[in-house]
Amino acid sequence: MANMKQSIPGLSNMSLELQRVLIPMKQNIEIITGTAIGMKPLDQLAGTATLSDAINKINEIIVRLNQSGQ
């Protein structure tokens, strides 16, 4: 069984100055971890994955990490 990661709590009860900094950070972390609404989690590769499968998976990770989404 996989360990569940802690979620990031809501920021609505914080000052606007703090929200302005923390909300974009929260959104980026949720995108990277696949917990943002509408984000599909990255699937693990099978033990029988080919080099082509590995390259495709690495490219999928790069797209998620890049700001441009490319």
C-alpha atoms as a PDB file:
ATOM      1  CA  MET A   1       0.000   0.000   0.000  1.00  0.00           C
ATOM      2  CA  ALA A   2       1.358   3.422  -0.948  1.00  0.00           C
ATOM      3  CA  ASN A   3       1.797   6.078   1.690  1.00  0.00           C
ATOM      4  CA  MET A   4      -0.621   8.961   1.280  1.00  0.00           C
ATOM      5  CA  LYS A   5       1.028  12.352   1.087  1.00  0.00           C
ATOM      6  CA  GLN A   6      -0.266  15.116   3.291  1.00  0.00           C
ATOM      7  CA  SER A   7      -2.478  17.625   1.509  1.00  0.00           C
ATOM      8  CA  ILE A   8      -1.780  21.327   1.606  1.00  0.00           C
ATOM      9  CA  PRO A   9      -4.356  23.056   3.810  1.00  0.00           C
ATOM     10  CA  GLY A  10      -6.570  25.853   2.543  1.00  0.00           C
ATOM     11  CA  LEU A  11      -5.195  29.353   2.750  1.00  0.00           C
ATOM     12  CA  SER A  12      -8.420  31.334   3.053  1.00  0.00           C
ATOM     13  CA  ASN A  13      -7.902  32.337   6.716  1.00  0.00           C
ATOM     14  CA  MET A  14      -4.485  33.893   6.071  1.00  0.00           C
ATOM     15  CA  SER A  15      -3.678  37.503   5.331  1.00  0.00           C
ATOM     16  CA  LEU A  16      -3.930  38.620   1.707  1.00  0.00           C
ATOM     17  CA  GLU A  17      -0.193  39.323   1.632  1.00  0.00           C
ATOM     18  CA  LEU A  18       0.583  35.761   2.689  1.00  0.00           C
ATOM     19  CA  GLN A  19      -2.024  34.315   0.306  1.00  0.00           C
ATOM     20  CA  ARG A  20      -0.454  36.202  -2.598  1.00  0.00           C
ATOM     21  CA  VAL A  21       2.784  34.294  -1.998  1.00  0.00           C
ATOM     22  CA  LEU A  22       1.477  30.917  -0.867  1.00  0.00           C
ATOM     23  CA  ILE A  23      -1.352  30.309  -3.361  1.00  0.00           C
ATOM     24  CA  PRO A  24       0.947  30.118  -6.435  1.00  0.00           C
ATOM     25  CA  MET A  25       3.322  27.868  -4.461  1.00  0.00           C
ATOM     26  CA  LYS A  26       0.423  25.592  -3.484  1.00  0.00           C
ATOM     27  CA  GLN A  27      -0.817  25.442  -7.087  1.00  0.00           C
ATOM     28  CA  ASN A  28       2.635  24.527  -8.427  1.00  0.00           C
ATOM     29  CA  ILE A  29       3.144  21.802  -5.829  1.00  0.00           C
ATOM     30  CA  GLU A  30      -0.283  20.351  -6.620  1.00  0.00           C
ATOM     31  CA  ILE A  31       0.496  20.308 -10.361  1.00  0.00           C
ATOM     32  CA  ILE A  32       3.875  18.620  -9.833  1.00  0.00           C
ATOM     33  CA  THR A  33       2.443  16.009  -7.481  1.00  0.00           C
ATOM     34  CA  GLY A  34      -0.644  15.410  -9.631  1.00  0.00           C
ATOM     35  CA  THR A  35      -3.085  16.423  -6.911  1.00  0.00           C
ATOM     36  CA  ALA A  36      -4.416  19.529  -8.666  1.00  0.00           C
ATOM     37  CA  ILE A  37      -8.013  19.245  -9.820  1.00  0.00           C
ATOM     38  CA  GLY A  38      -8.064  17.713 -13.287  1.00  0.00           C
ATOM     39  CA  MET A  39      -4.468  16.465 -13.131  1.00  0.00           C
ATOM     40  CA  LYS A  40      -3.940  12.818 -14.016  1.00  0.00           C
ATOM     41  CA  PRO A  41      -1.395  11.068 -11.786  1.00  0.00           C
ATOM     42  CA  LEU A  42       1.683   9.715 -13.552  1.00  0.00           C
ATOM     43  CA  ASP A  43       1.539   5.947 -13.963  1.00  0.00           C
ATOM     44  CA  GLN A  44       4.514   3.807 -12.976  1.00  0.00           C
ATOM     45  CA  LEU A  45       6.378   1.897 -15.633  1.00  0.00           C
ATOM     46  CA  ALA A  46       6.130  -1.876 -15.692  1.00  0.00           C
ATOM     47  CA  GLY A  47       9.226  -3.893 -14.924  1.00  0.00           C
ATOM     48  CA  THR A  48       9.174  -4.945 -18.577  1.00  0.00           C
ATOM     49  CA  ALA A  49       9.281  -1.344 -19.869  1.00  0.00           C
ATOM     50  CA  THR A  50      11.360  -0.711 -22.945  1.00  0.00           C
ATOM     51  CA  LEU A  51      13.827   2.114 -23.499  1.00  0.00           C
ATOM     52  CA  SER A  52      11.158   3.807 -25.607  1.00  0.00           C
ATOM     53  CA  ASP A  53       8.684   3.534 -22.694  1.00  0.00           C
ATOM     54  CA  ALA A  54      11.271   5.075 -20.343  1.00  0.00           C
ATOM     55  CA  ILE A  55      11.963   7.951 -22.741  1.00  0.00           C
ATOM     56  CA  ASN A  56       8.241   8.646 -23.096  1.00  0.00           C
ATOM     57  CA  LYS A  57       7.793   8.614 -19.308  1.00  0.00           C
ATOM     58  CA  ILE A  58      10.726  10.992 -18.779  1.00  0.00           C
ATOM     59  CA  ASN A  59       9.249  13.323 -21.385  1.00  0.00           C
ATOM     60  CA  GLU A  60       5.889  13.179 -19.573  1.00  0.00           C
ATOM     61  CA  ILE A  61       7.648  14.245 -16.354  1.00  0.00           C
ATOM     62  CA  ILE A  62       9.503  17.048 -18.156  1.00  0.00           C
ATOM     63  CA  VAL A  63       6.245  18.403 -19.593  1.00  0.00           C
ATOM     64  CA  ARG A  64       4.737  18.469 -16.106  1.00  0.00           C
ATOM     65  CA  LEU A  65       7.772  20.248 -14.604  1.00  0.00           C
ATOM     66  CA  ASN A  66       8.283  22.813 -17.369  1.00  0.00           C
ATOM     67  CA  GLN A  67       6.506  26.098 -16.901  1.00  0.00           C
ATOM     68  CA  SER A  68       5.516  26.157 -20.573  1.00  0.00           C
ATOM     69  CA  GLY A  69       3.981  22.681 -20.398  1.00  0.00           C
ATOM     70  CA  GLN A  70       6.189  21.560 -23.294  1.00  0.00           C
END
